[in-house]
C-alpha atoms as a PDB file:
ATOM      1  CA  MET A   1      -1.392  -7.789  15.045  1.00  0.00           C
ATOM      2  CA  LEU A   2       1.770  -9.719  13.731  1.00  0.00           C
ATOM      3  CA  SER A   3      -0.247 -12.953  13.672  1.00  0.00           C
ATOM      4  CA  LEU A   4      -1.616 -11.930  10.188  1.00  0.00           C
ATOM      5  CA  LEU A   5       1.963 -13.506   9.133  1.00  0.00           C
ATOM      6  CA  LEU A   6       2.189 -16.825  10.646  1.00  0.00           C
ATOM      7  CA  SER A   7      -1.140 -18.099   8.846  1.00  0.00           C
ATOM      8  CA  CYS A   8      -1.704 -17.922   5.377  1.00  0.00           C
ATOM      9  CA  THR A   9      -2.990 -19.846   2.376  1.00  0.00           C
ATOM     10  CA  PRO A  10      -0.940 -18.976  -0.669  1.00  0.00           C
ATOM     11  CA  ILE A  11      -2.429 -17.116  -2.734  1.00  0.00           C
ATOM     12  CA  GLN A  12      -2.658 -17.324  -6.462  1.00  0.00           C
ATOM     13  CA  SER A  13       0.051 -17.358  -8.871  1.00  0.00           C
ATOM     14  CA  ARG A  14       1.020 -18.589 -12.633  1.00  0.00           C
ATOM     15  CA  SER A  15       4.360 -19.259 -14.065  1.00  0.00           C
ATOM     16  CA  CYS A  16       6.330 -17.172 -17.193  1.00  0.00           C
ATOM     17  CA  PRO A  17       4.388 -14.090 -18.111  1.00  0.00           C
ATOM     18  CA  GLN A  18       2.722 -14.896 -21.603  1.00  0.00           C
ATOM     19  CA  GLY A  19       4.715 -13.034 -23.946  1.00  0.00           C
ATOM     20  CA  ALA A  20       7.904 -12.339 -21.843  1.00  0.00           C
ATOM     21  CA  ASP A  21      11.403 -13.816 -22.600  1.00  0.00           C
ATOM     22  CA  CYS A  22      11.773 -16.048 -19.545  1.00  0.00           C
ATOM     23  CA  THR A  23      15.201 -17.491 -21.181  1.00  0.00           C
ATOM     24  CA  PRO A  24      18.232 -17.289 -18.433  1.00  0.00           C
ATOM     25  CA  GLN A  25      20.716 -14.800 -18.080  1.00  0.00           C
ATOM     26  CA  VAL A  26      23.374 -13.840 -15.925  1.00  0.00           C
ATOM     27  CA  ALA A  27      23.687 -10.840 -13.755  1.00  0.00           C
ATOM     28  CA  ASP A  28      26.556  -8.505 -14.764  1.00  0.00           C
ATOM     29  CA  SER A  29      26.633  -7.649 -10.181  1.00  0.00           C
ATOM     30  CA  ALA A  30      28.265  -9.969  -8.335  1.00  0.00           C
ATOM     31  CA  GLN A  31      27.606  -8.118  -5.441  1.00  0.00           C
ATOM     32  CA  ASP A  32      24.038  -8.671  -5.342  1.00  0.00           C
ATOM     33  CA  SER A  33      23.030 -11.299  -8.100  1.00  0.00           C
ATOM     34  CA  LEU A  34      23.757 -14.885  -8.285  1.00  0.00           C
ATOM     35  CA  LEU A  35      23.718 -16.902 -11.174  1.00  0.00           C
ATOM     36  CA  VAL A  36      21.126 -18.752 -11.982  1.00  0.00           C
ATOM     37  CA  ASP A  37      20.884 -22.396 -12.955  1.00  0.00           C
ATOM     38  CA  THR A  38      20.270 -22.787 -16.976  1.00  0.00           C
ATOM     39  CA  GLN A  39      18.365 -25.772 -17.027  1.00  0.00           C
ATOM     40  CA  ASP A  40      16.066 -24.473 -13.926  1.00  0.00           C
ATOM     41  CA  ALA A  41      15.849 -20.732 -14.485  1.00  0.00           C
ATOM     42  CA  TRP A  42      12.330 -20.695 -12.459  1.00  0.00           C
ATOM     43  CA  THR A  43      13.701 -22.424  -9.114  1.00  0.00           C
ATOM     44  CA  TRP A  44      14.758 -20.094  -5.961  1.00  0.00           C
ATOM     45  CA  ASP A  45      18.284 -20.823  -5.071  1.00  0.00           C
ATOM     46  CA  GLU A  46      18.095 -20.776  -1.717  1.00  0.00           C
ATOM     47  CA  GLU A  47      19.785 -17.236  -1.340  1.00  0.00           C
ATOM     48  CA  ASP A  48      17.778 -15.753  -3.537  1.00  0.00           C
ATOM     49  CA  VAL A  49      15.702 -13.194  -2.432  1.00  0.00           C
ATOM     50  CA  ALA A  50      14.228 -11.017  -6.092  1.00  0.00           C
ATOM     51  CA  MET A  51      14.234 -12.427  -9.503  1.00  0.00           C
ATOM     52  CA  LEU A  52      13.935 -10.168 -12.661  1.00  0.00           C
ATOM     53  CA  ILE A  53      11.082 -11.948 -14.224  1.00  0.00           C
ATOM     54  CA  GLY A  54      11.478 -12.224 -18.048  1.00  0.00           C
ATOM     55  CA  LYS A  55      15.720 -11.781 -17.562  1.00  0.00           C
ATOM     56  CA  ALA A  56      15.416 -14.513 -14.876  1.00  0.00           C
ATOM     57  CA  ARG A  57      18.377 -13.143 -13.341  1.00  0.00           C
ATOM     58  CA  SER A  58      18.406 -13.453  -9.183  1.00  0.00           C
ATOM     59  CA  TYR A  59      19.592 -11.335  -6.624  1.00  0.00           C
ATOM     60  CA  ARG A  60      20.554 -11.391  -2.974  1.00  0.00           C
ATOM     61  CA  SER A  61      18.219  -8.739  -2.217  1.00  0.00           C
ATOM     62  CA  ILE A  62      15.803  -6.748  -3.587  1.00  0.00           C
ATOM     63  CA  GLN A  63      17.430  -3.086  -4.260  1.00  0.00           C
ATOM     64  CA  GLY A  64      20.035  -4.788  -6.089  1.00  0.00           C
ATOM     65  CA  ALA A  65      17.245  -6.100  -8.285  1.00  0.00           C
ATOM     66  CA  ILE A  66      15.732  -2.585  -8.594  1.00  0.00           C
ATOM     67  CA  THR A  67      19.010  -1.172  -8.988  1.00  0.00           C
ATOM     68  CA  GLU A  68      19.546  -3.442 -12.458  1.00  0.00           C
ATOM     69  CA  ALA A  69      16.033  -3.169 -13.571  1.00  0.00           C
ATOM     70  CA  ALA A  70      15.132  -1.418 -16.659  1.00  0.00           C
ATOM     71  CA  ASP A  71      11.620   0.717 -16.924  1.00  0.00           C
ATOM     72  CA  GLY A  72       8.945  -1.785 -17.570  1.00  0.00           C
ATOM     73  CA  ASP A  73      10.436  -4.579 -15.648  1.00  0.00           C
ATOM     74  CA  VAL A  74       8.961  -6.836 -12.737  1.00  0.00           C
ATOM     75  CA  VAL A  75      10.768  -7.328  -9.630  1.00  0.00           C
ATOM     76  CA  LEU A  76       9.390 -10.441  -8.492  1.00  0.00           C
ATOM     77  CA  VAL A  77      10.260 -11.067  -4.329  1.00  0.00           C
ATOM     78  CA  ARG A  78      10.492 -14.171  -2.730  1.00  0.00           C
ATOM     79  CA  ALA A  79       8.394 -15.003   0.666  1.00  0.00           C
ATOM     80  CA  GLY A  80      10.040 -14.355   3.576  1.00  0.00           C
ATOM     81  CA  THR A  81      11.289 -11.503   5.918  1.00  0.00           C
ATOM     82  CA  HIS A  82      13.405  -9.116   4.472  1.00  0.00           C
ATOM     83  CA  ARG A  83      15.130  -6.874   6.229  1.00  0.00           C
ATOM     84  CA  GLU A  84      15.965  -3.776   3.817  1.00  0.00           C
ATOM     85  CA  ARG A  85      14.397  -0.276   2.764  1.00  0.00           C
ATOM     86  CA  ILE A  86      14.277  -0.197  -0.829  1.00  0.00           C
ATOM     87  CA  ASP A  87      14.258   2.826  -2.952  1.00  0.00           C
ATOM     88  CA  PHE A  88      12.620   2.867  -6.937  1.00  0.00           C
ATOM     89  CA  HIS A  89      15.268   5.230  -7.997  1.00  0.00           C
ATOM     90  CA  GLY A  90      12.489   6.946 -10.783  1.00  0.00           C
ATOM     91  CA  LYS A  91      12.257   3.623 -12.184  1.00  0.00           C
ATOM     92  CA  ALA A  92       8.722   2.439 -13.644  1.00  0.00           C
ATOM     93  CA  LEU A  93       8.843  -0.784 -11.765  1.00  0.00           C
ATOM     94  CA  HIS A  94       6.736  -3.404 -10.249  1.00  0.00           C
ATOM     95  CA  VAL A  95       7.829  -4.245  -7.481  1.00  0.00           C
ATOM     96  CA  VAL A  96       5.784  -7.303  -6.187  1.00  0.00           C
ATOM     97  CA  SER A  97       5.677 -10.262  -3.930  1.00  0.00           C
ATOM     98  CA  GLU A  98       5.147 -13.730  -5.462  1.00  0.00           C
ATOM     99  CA  ALA A  99       3.036 -14.871  -2.002  1.00  0.00           C
ATOM    100  CA  GLY A 100       1.457 -12.051  -0.986  1.00  0.00           C
ATOM    101  CA  PRO A 101       1.407 -10.042   1.921  1.00  0.00           C
ATOM    102  CA  TRP A 102       0.737 -12.620   4.659  1.00  0.00           C
ATOM    103  CA  GLU A 103       4.282 -14.190   3.899  1.00  0.00           C
ATOM    104  CA  THR A 104       6.359 -11.461   2.497  1.00  0.00           C
ATOM    105  CA  VAL A 105       7.489  -8.858   4.834  1.00  0.00           C
ATOM    106  CA  LEU A 106       9.486  -5.802   4.394  1.00  0.00           C
ATOM    107  CA  ASP A 107      10.849  -4.891   7.769  1.00  0.00           C
ATOM    108  CA  GLY A 108      12.464  -1.421   8.470  1.00  0.00           C
ATOM    109  CA  THR A 109      13.374  -2.164  11.888  1.00  0.00           C
ATOM    110  CA  ASP A 110      16.405  -0.155  12.853  1.00  0.00           C
ATOM    111  CA  LEU A 111      17.386   0.928   9.838  1.00  0.00           C
ATOM    112  CA  ASP A 112      15.894   4.407   9.910  1.00  0.00           C
ATOM    113  CA  GLY A 113      13.853   5.942   7.100  1.00  0.00           C
ATOM    114  CA  SER A 114      10.883   4.665   5.434  1.00  0.00           C
ATOM    115  CA  VAL A 115      10.576   0.976   4.125  1.00  0.00           C
ATOM    116  CA  VAL A 116      10.006   2.077   0.834  1.00  0.00           C
ATOM    117  CA  GLU A 117      10.811   5.349  -1.183  1.00  0.00           C
ATOM    118  CA  ILE A 118       9.309   6.605  -4.579  1.00  0.00           C
ATOM    119  CA  ARG A 119      10.540  10.032  -4.796  1.00  0.00           C
ATOM    120  CA  SER A 120      12.123  10.309  -8.662  1.00  0.00           C
ATOM    121  CA  MET A 121       9.477  10.946 -11.104  1.00  0.00           C
ATOM    122  CA  GLU A 122       7.939   7.217 -10.930  1.00  0.00           C
ATOM    123  CA  PRO A 123       5.178   7.219 -13.501  1.00  0.00           C
ATOM    124  CA  SER A 124       1.621   5.425 -12.302  1.00  0.00           C
ATOM    125  CA  THR A 125       3.053   2.134 -14.121  1.00  0.00           C
ATOM    126  CA  ALA A 126       5.923   2.086 -10.703  1.00  0.00           C
ATOM    127  CA  ILE A 127       3.721  -0.276  -8.596  1.00  0.00           C
ATOM    128  CA  LEU A 128       4.463  -1.797  -5.327  1.00  0.00           C
ATOM    129  CA  GLU A 129       2.368  -4.684  -4.267  1.00  0.00           C
ATOM    130  CA  GLY A 130       2.262  -7.821  -2.036  1.00  0.00           C
ATOM    131  CA  PHE A 131       3.928  -6.961   1.132  1.00  0.00           C
ATOM    132  CA  THR A 132       3.320  -6.754   4.504  1.00  0.00           C
ATOM    133  CA  ILE A 133       5.592  -3.533   5.675  1.00  0.00           C
ATOM    134  CA  ILE A 134       6.456  -3.190   9.155  1.00  0.00           C
ATOM    135  CA  GLY A 135       9.016  -0.733  11.262  1.00  0.00           C
ATOM    136  CA  GLY A 136       9.559   2.064   9.162  1.00  0.00           C
ATOM    137  CA  THR A 137      10.357   5.202  11.075  1.00  0.00           C
ATOM    138  CA  GLY A 138       9.834   8.000   8.543  1.00  0.00           C
ATOM    139  CA  THR A 139      12.713   9.729   5.829  1.00  0.00           C
ATOM    140  CA  GLU A 140      12.544  13.419   6.712  1.00  0.00           C
ATOM    141  CA  GLY A 141      10.066  12.642   9.455  1.00  0.00           C
ATOM    142  CA  HIS A 142       7.761  12.017   7.089  1.00  0.00           C
ATOM    143  CA  GLY A 143       5.861   8.413   5.883  1.00  0.00           C
ATOM    144  CA  GLY A 144       6.686   5.514   8.415  1.00  0.00           C
ATOM    145  CA  GLY A 145       5.991   2.925   5.594  1.00  0.00           C
ATOM    146  CA  VAL A 146       5.967   4.824   2.592  1.00  0.00           C
ATOM    147  CA  PHE A 147       7.448   8.318   1.208  1.00  0.00           C
ATOM    148  CA  ILE A 148       5.919   9.377  -2.181  1.00  0.00           C
ATOM    149  CA  GLU A 149       7.333  12.548  -3.792  1.00  0.00           C
ATOM    150  CA  ASN A 150       7.395  14.226  -7.152  1.00  0.00           C
ATOM    151  CA  ALA A 151       5.898  10.561  -8.404  1.00  0.00           C
ATOM    152  CA  ASP A 152       2.624   9.416  -9.503  1.00  0.00           C
ATOM    153  CA  PRO A 153       3.110   5.154  -8.375  1.00  0.00           C
ATOM    154  CA  ILE A 154      -0.167   2.933  -7.372  1.00  0.00           C
ATOM    155  CA  ILE A 155       0.197   1.356  -3.700  1.00  0.00           C
ATOM    156  CA  GLN A 156      -1.572  -1.551  -3.870  1.00  0.00           C
ATOM    157  CA  HIS A 157      -2.706  -5.265  -2.203  1.00  0.00           C
ATOM    158  CA  ASN A 158       0.200  -4.034   0.985  1.00  0.00           C
ATOM    159  CA  VAL A 159      -0.539  -4.424   4.787  1.00  0.00           C
ATOM    160  CA  PHE A 160       1.110  -1.564   6.524  1.00  0.00           C
ATOM    161  CA  ILE A 161       1.262  -2.377  10.850  1.00  0.00           C
ATOM    162  CA  GLY A 162       3.072  -0.501  13.463  1.00  0.00           C
ATOM    163  CA  ASN A 163       5.083   1.951  11.391  1.00  0.00           C
ATOM    164  CA  GLN A 164       5.714   5.909  12.656  1.00  0.00           C
ATOM    165  CA  ALA A 165       6.541   8.719  11.746  1.00  0.00           C
ATOM    166  CA  ASN A 166       6.585  12.639  12.390  1.00  0.00           C
ATOM    167  CA  ILE A 167       4.404  12.846   9.609  1.00  0.00           C
ATOM    168  CA  SER A 168       2.381  10.116   8.132  1.00  0.00           C
ATOM    169  CA  GLY A 169       2.688   6.693  10.043  1.00  0.00           C
ATOM    170  CA  GLY A 170       1.331   5.124   7.001  1.00  0.00           C
ATOM    171  CA  VAL A 171       1.868   6.600   3.721  1.00  0.00           C
ATOM    172  CA  TYR A 172       3.473   9.864   2.734  1.00  0.00           C
ATOM    173  CA  MET A 173       1.919  11.701  -0.526  1.00  0.00           C
ATOM    174  CA  ARG A 174       4.095  15.061  -1.327  1.00  0.00           C
ATOM    175  CA  HIS A 175       3.217  16.720  -4.791  1.00  0.00           C
ATOM    176  CA  GLY A 176       2.305  14.248  -7.932  1.00  0.00           C
ATOM    177  CA  ALA A 177      -0.468  11.824  -8.055  1.00  0.00           C
ATOM    178  CA  ALA A 178       0.013   8.477  -6.527  1.00  0.00           C
ATOM    179  CA  THR A 179      -3.197   5.863  -6.160  1.00  0.00           C
ATOM    180  CA  VAL A 180      -2.785   3.786  -2.353  1.00  0.00           C
ATOM    181  CA  ARG A 181      -5.794   1.354  -3.148  1.00  0.00           C
ATOM    182  CA  ASN A 182      -6.764  -2.170  -1.510  1.00  0.00           C
ATOM    183  CA  ASN A 183      -4.356  -1.512   1.380  1.00  0.00           C
ATOM    184  CA  ILE A 184      -4.653  -3.111   4.738  1.00  0.00           C
ATOM    185  CA  ILE A 185      -3.440   0.275   7.184  1.00  0.00           C
ATOM    186  CA  VAL A 186      -3.422  -1.043  10.866  1.00  0.00           C
ATOM    187  CA  GLY A 187      -1.741   0.701  13.879  1.00  0.00           C
ATOM    188  CA  ASN A 188       0.371   3.116  12.286  1.00  0.00           C
ATOM    189  CA  ARG A 189       1.307   6.004  14.754  1.00  0.00           C
ATOM    190  CA  GLY A 190       1.973  10.245  13.574  1.00  0.00           C
ATOM    191  CA  ILE A 191       3.751  11.878  16.398  1.00  0.00           C
ATOM    192  CA  GLN A 192       2.361  15.318  15.112  1.00  0.00           C
ATOM    193  CA  GLY A 193      -0.309  14.175  12.396  1.00  0.00           C
ATOM    194  CA  GLY A 194      -1.838  12.339  10.154  1.00  0.00           C
ATOM    195  CA  GLY A 195      -1.735   8.070  11.665  1.00  0.00           C
ATOM    196  CA  GLY A 196      -2.887   6.444   7.943  1.00  0.00           C
ATOM    197  CA  VAL A 197      -2.407   8.622   5.242  1.00  0.00           C
ATOM    198  CA  VAL A 198      -1.174  12.440   4.869  1.00  0.00           C
ATOM    199  CA  CYS A 199      -1.085  14.495   0.758  1.00  0.00           C
ATOM    200  CA  THR A 200       0.920  17.632   0.854  1.00  0.00           C
ATOM    201  CA  ASN A 201       0.275  19.453  -1.865  1.00  0.00           C
ATOM    202  CA  CYS A 202      -0.577  16.542  -3.740  1.00  0.00           C
ATOM    203  CA  ARG A 203      -3.455  14.370  -5.853  1.00  0.00           C
ATOM    204  CA  GLY A 204      -3.724  11.544  -4.210  1.00  0.00           C
ATOM    205  CA  GLN A 205      -6.248   8.968  -4.656  1.00  0.00           C
ATOM    206  CA  VAL A 206      -6.801   7.148  -1.309  1.00  0.00           C
ATOM    207  CA  LEU A 207      -9.323   3.957  -2.817  1.00  0.00           C
ATOM    208  CA  TYR A 208     -10.895   0.946  -0.902  1.00  0.00           C
ATOM    209  CA  ASN A 209      -8.746   0.961   1.816  1.00  0.00           C
ATOM    210  CA  THR A 210      -9.151  -1.032   5.616  1.00  0.00           C
ATOM    211  CA  PHE A 211      -7.614   1.229   8.034  1.00  0.00           C
ATOM    212  CA  VAL A 212      -8.002   0.299  11.519  1.00  0.00           C
ATOM    213  CA  ASN A 213      -6.356   1.728  15.092  1.00  0.00           C
ATOM    214  CA  ASN A 214      -4.210   4.387  13.314  1.00  0.00           C
ATOM    215  CA  GLU A 215      -2.865   6.855  15.894  1.00  0.00           C
ATOM    216  CA  SER A 216      -2.646  10.790  15.866  1.00  0.00           C
ATOM    217  CA  PRO A 217      -3.532  13.930  17.758  1.00  0.00           C
ATOM    218  CA  ASN A 218      -4.059  15.576  14.789  1.00  0.00           C
ATOM    219  CA  GLY A 219      -5.922  13.324  11.942  1.00  0.00           C
ATOM    220  CA  SER A 220      -6.022   9.420  13.203  1.00  0.00           C
ATOM    221  CA  LEU A 221      -7.023   8.752   9.135  1.00  0.00           C
ATOM    222  CA  GLY A 222      -4.561  11.722   7.715  1.00  0.00           C
ATOM    223  CA  GLU A 223      -3.975  15.164   6.915  1.00  0.00           C
ATOM    224  CA  TRP A 224      -4.194  17.528   3.462  1.00  0.00           C
ATOM    225  CA  TYR A 225      -1.517  20.266   3.383  1.00  0.00           C
ATOM    226  CA  TYR A 226      -1.292  23.161   1.096  1.00  0.00           C
ATOM    227  CA  GLU A 227      -3.819  23.085  -1.848  1.00  0.00           C
ATOM    228  CA  SER A 228      -4.097  19.542  -2.181  1.00  0.00           C
ATOM    229  CA  GLU A 229      -6.812  17.468  -4.108  1.00  0.00           C
ATOM    230  CA  GLY A 230      -7.917  14.087  -4.468  1.00  0.00           C
ATOM    231  CA  ASP A 231     -10.577  11.051  -3.273  1.00  0.00           C
ATOM    232  CA  ILE A 232     -10.939   9.340  -0.030  1.00  0.00           C
ATOM    233  CA  VAL A 233     -13.934   6.874  -1.282  1.00  0.00           C
ATOM    234  CA  GLY A 234     -14.551   3.749  -0.759  1.00  0.00           C
ATOM    235  CA  ASN A 235     -12.520   3.151   2.746  1.00  0.00           C
ATOM    236  CA  ILE A 236     -13.705   1.441   5.834  1.00  0.00           C
ATOM    237  CA  ILE A 237     -12.471   3.607   8.575  1.00  0.00           C
ATOM    238  CA  VAL A 238     -11.921   2.167  12.413  1.00  0.00           C
ATOM    239  CA  ALA A 239     -11.014   4.690  14.340  1.00  0.00           C
ATOM    240  CA  ASN A 240      -9.753   4.888  18.049  1.00  0.00           C
ATOM    241  CA  ASP A 241     -12.466   5.665  20.457  1.00  0.00           C
ATOM    242  CA  GLN A 242     -10.403   8.829  21.914  1.00  0.00           C
ATOM    243  CA  ASP A 243     -10.112  10.439  18.475  1.00  0.00           C
ATOM    244  CA  ALA A 244     -12.410  13.682  17.763  1.00  0.00           C
ATOM    245  CA  PHE A 245     -12.299  13.817  14.287  1.00  0.00           C
ATOM    246  CA  LEU A 246     -10.537  11.713  11.195  1.00  0.00           C
ATOM    247  CA  ILE A 247      -8.431  14.549   8.938  1.00  0.00           C
ATOM    248  CA  ARG A 248      -7.149  17.558  10.009  1.00  0.00           C
ATOM    249  CA  PHE A 249      -6.696  20.414   6.857  1.00  0.00           C
ATOM    250  CA  MET A 250      -3.973  22.861   6.743  1.00  0.00           C
ATOM    251  CA  GLU A 251      -4.325  26.183   3.965  1.00  0.00           C
ATOM    252  CA  PRO A 252      -6.319  23.773   1.745  1.00  0.00           C
ATOM    253  CA  LEU A 253      -6.719  26.707  -0.800  1.00  0.00           C
ATOM    254  CA  GLY A 254      -9.152  25.660  -4.116  1.00  0.00           C
ATOM    255  CA  PHE A 255      -8.986  22.280  -3.320  1.00  0.00           C
ATOM    256  CA  THR A 256     -11.406  19.651  -4.616  1.00  0.00           C
ATOM    257  CA  PHE A 257     -12.237  16.477  -1.914  1.00  0.00           C
ATOM    258  CA  ASP A 258     -14.563  13.720  -2.797  1.00  0.00           C
ATOM    259  CA  CYS A 259     -14.757  11.787   0.882  1.00  0.00           C
ATOM    260  CA  SER A 260     -18.030   9.408  -0.446  1.00  0.00           C
ATOM    261  CA  ASP A 261     -19.406   5.878  -0.002  1.00  0.00           C
ATOM    262  CA  ASN A 262     -16.823   5.214   2.799  1.00  0.00           C
ATOM    263  CA  LEU A 263     -17.589   3.468   6.534  1.00  0.00           C
ATOM    264  CA  VAL A 264     -16.906   4.959   9.724  1.00  0.00           C
ATOM    265  CA  TRP A 265     -17.051   3.684  12.872  1.00  0.00           C
ATOM    266  CA  PRO A 266     -17.394   4.667  15.468  1.00  0.00           C
ATOM    267  CA  GLU A 267     -19.191   7.852  14.444  1.00  0.00           C
ATOM    268  CA  LEU A 268     -16.778  11.111  14.387  1.00  0.00           C
ATOM    269  CA  ASP A 269     -17.117  14.284  12.370  1.00  0.00           C
ATOM    270  CA  TRP A 270     -14.379  14.247   8.900  1.00  0.00           C
ATOM    271  CA  ILE A 271     -13.036  17.379   9.970  1.00  0.00           C
ATOM    272  CA  ALA A 272     -11.542  19.525  13.004  1.00  0.00           C
ATOM    273  CA  GLU A 273     -13.688  23.144  13.649  1.00  0.00           C
ATOM    274  CA  THR A 274     -10.606  24.709  11.751  1.00  0.00           C
ATOM    275  CA  ALA A 275     -11.709  23.191   8.561  1.00  0.00           C
ATOM    276  CA  PRO A 276     -12.445  24.811   5.351  1.00  0.00           C
ATOM    277  CA  SER A 277     -15.466  26.276   4.065  1.00  0.00           C
ATOM    278  CA  GLY A 278     -17.420  24.169   1.887  1.00  0.00           C
ATOM    279  CA  PHE A 279     -15.964  21.216   2.801  1.00  0.00           C
ATOM    280  CA  PRO A 280     -18.311  18.292   0.446  1.00  0.00           C
ATOM    281  CA  ASP A 281     -20.888  16.454   2.714  1.00  0.00           C
ATOM    282  CA  CYS A 282     -19.617  12.971   2.446  1.00  0.00           C
ATOM    283  CA  ALA A 283     -22.347  11.471   0.604  1.00  0.00           C
ATOM    284  CA  ASN A 284     -23.470   8.013   1.719  1.00  0.00           C
ATOM    285  CA  THR A 285     -20.872   7.753   4.602  1.00  0.00           C
ATOM    286  CA  ILE A 286     -22.174   4.339   6.618  1.00  0.00           C
ATOM    287  CA  TYR A 287     -21.462   5.005  10.302  1.00  0.00           C
ATOM    288  CA  ALA A 288     -21.486   1.313  11.522  1.00  0.00           C
ATOM    289  CA  ASP A 289     -19.559  -1.488  12.570  1.00  0.00           C
ATOM    290  CA  PRO A 290     -18.129  -2.953   9.371  1.00  0.00           C
ATOM    291  CA  MET A 291     -18.178  -6.609  11.203  1.00  0.00           C
ATOM    292  CA  PHE A 292     -14.872  -8.093  10.512  1.00  0.00           C
ATOM    293  CA  VAL A 293     -14.475 -11.736  10.650  1.00  0.00           C
ATOM    294  CA  ASP A 294     -11.058 -11.698  12.469  1.00  0.00           C
ATOM    295  CA  THR A 295      -8.329  -9.023  12.928  1.00  0.00           C
ATOM    296  CA  ASP A 296      -5.449 -11.031  10.964  1.00  0.00           C
ATOM    297  CA  ARG A 297      -6.965  -9.981   7.243  1.00  0.00           C
ATOM    298  CA  TYR A 298     -10.020  -8.073   8.105  1.00  0.00           C
ATOM    299  CA  GLU A 299     -12.009  -9.737   6.024  1.00  0.00           C
ATOM    300  CA  LEU A 300     -16.046  -8.845   6.012  1.00  0.00           C
ATOM    301  CA  ALA A 301     -18.519 -10.949   7.572  1.00  0.00           C
ATOM    302  CA  PRO A 302     -21.313 -12.275   5.461  1.00  0.00           C
ATOM    303  CA  ASN A 303     -24.088  -9.714   6.790  1.00  0.00           C
ATOM    304  CA  SER A 304     -21.501  -6.383   7.189  1.00  0.00           C
ATOM    305  CA  PRO A 305     -22.935  -3.106   5.869  1.00  0.00           C
ATOM    306  CA  ALA A 306     -19.964  -3.272   3.913  1.00  0.00           C
ATOM    307  CA  ILE A 307     -20.575  -5.828   1.632  1.00  0.00           C
ATOM    308  CA  ASP A 308     -21.856  -4.274  -1.443  1.00  0.00           C
ATOM    309  CA  SER A 309     -22.352  -0.929  -0.789  1.00  0.00           C
ATOM    310  CA  GLY A 310     -19.745   0.952  -2.392  1.00  0.00           C
ATOM    311  CA  PRO A 311     -19.769   3.685  -4.920  1.00  0.00           C
ATOM    312  CA  ALA A 312     -22.433   2.357  -7.246  1.00  0.00           C
ATOM    313  CA  ALA A 313     -20.383   3.186 -10.503  1.00  0.00           C
ATOM    314  CA  ASP A 314     -17.987   0.210  -9.166  1.00  0.00           C
ATOM    315  CA  THR A 315     -18.021  -3.755  -9.128  1.00  0.00           C
ATOM    316  CA  ASP A 316     -16.074  -6.169  -7.134  1.00  0.00           C
ATOM    317  CA  PRO A 317     -14.412  -8.616  -9.420  1.00  0.00           C
ATOM    318  CA  ASP A 318     -16.876 -11.311  -9.365  1.00  0.00           C
ATOM    319  CA  GLY A 319     -19.448  -8.468 -10.695  1.00  0.00           C
ATOM    320  CA  SER A 320     -21.529  -8.119  -7.861  1.00  0.00           C
ATOM    321  CA  PRO A 321     -21.776  -4.570  -6.157  1.00  0.00           C
ATOM    322  CA  ALA A 322     -18.509  -2.874  -4.584  1.00  0.00           C
ATOM    323  CA  ASP A 323     -17.832  -3.485  -1.436  1.00  0.00           C
ATOM    324  CA  ARG A 324     -16.460  -1.180   0.602  1.00  0.00           C
ATOM    325  CA  GLY A 325     -12.804  -1.392   1.952  1.00  0.00           C
ATOM    326  CA  ALA A 326      -9.745  -3.505   1.051  1.00  0.00           C
ATOM    327  CA  TYR A 327     -11.340  -6.129  -0.650  1.00  0.00           C
ATOM    328  CA  GLY A 328     -13.851  -4.128  -2.601  1.00  0.00           C
ATOM    329  CA  GLY A 329     -13.942  -2.451  -5.942  1.00  0.00           C
ATOM    330  CA  PRO A 330     -12.131  -3.334  -9.680  1.00  0.00           C
ATOM    331  CA  PHE A 331      -8.707  -4.081  -7.900  1.00  0.00           C
ATOM    332  CA  GLY A 332     -10.643  -6.252  -4.889  1.00  0.00           C
ATOM    333  CA  ASP A 333      -8.642  -9.420  -5.678  1.00  0.00           C
ATOM    334  CA  TRP A 334      -5.332  -9.853  -3.945  1.00  0.00           C
ATOM    335  CA  SER A 335      -4.292 -12.636  -6.146  1.00  0.00           C
ATOM    336  CA  SER A 336      -0.290 -12.321  -6.787  1.00  0.00           C
ATOM    337  CA  PRO A 337       0.022 -11.680 -10.414  1.00  0.00           C
ATOM    338  CA  PHE A 338       3.441 -13.724 -11.244  1.00  0.00           C
ATOM    339  CA  SER A 339       5.579 -17.130  -9.936  1.00  0.00           C
ATOM    340  CA  VAL A 340       8.324 -18.687 -10.338  1.00  0.00           C
ATOM    341  CA  ASP A 341       7.314 -22.237  -9.537  1.00  0.00           C
ATOM    342  CA  GLY A 342       3.947 -22.153 -11.859  1.00  0.00           C
END
């Protein structure tokens, strides 16, 4: 599966964002920062890892940039494999890769915890975008890839591969109203429950993702706990042959839940026999092979049943009817929004 990291075409980019102040400045912290060249503030130095867009400050670690960033800042991350765990520390930041997930890896192998933590009242303007996330083992046993708690961030245009935790190998949401949209979530493992995504007492939105071969004895797609609300809409869900059902619910008292317009393969029950009464009928579910072109980017063949069959109210960025899966819907364009090289 890691072959998706080895060959790619750089995605679209642009130079200094319109209206931003790109005047070179010097970072205050010597430990994590590098002085930028005042003659060429938008060229990566050999040891640069991250930069604060609009402030032209460069850093030797992503966390170093996050630590000095303020609400509203863009933390731009250079292409490469970065072996570190990061924490948003309550800030409304856009942490984004310059070259996209095919060239930018957050590797949490042997670092003991979730690769990304967003746990301190971060608002919906906190965004994690454009990374392949691997090697996470979860914090407090939860969320191998990303642990979200008491926060409302957006997780978009990322690839989660081979993360695992006791609960939720991919993305764990507890409290708050996080949005997980247009990601590829492949081969993650929830040892006890929730292979791909888990929502605990939250209002999580799980929209237009592609889930493939995530593993758990209780809900390979995920689990919904303790009065959680939210939607799982517009996704492609490819399960393991041995799976009996997709989602496990625990004490979902008084919840609302929309599971419409997904594609599921092979055909499985959505829920275990112990699911709550009144579970929705998951309208417009398609049970069919999604017909991926490859197993690197999981793009769809032109005759895929997921093409143009997504939620009727949505369109793809080109104006056509919405596709299901990671490249569908209003946010299906994975082009990187920033670049230091113009």
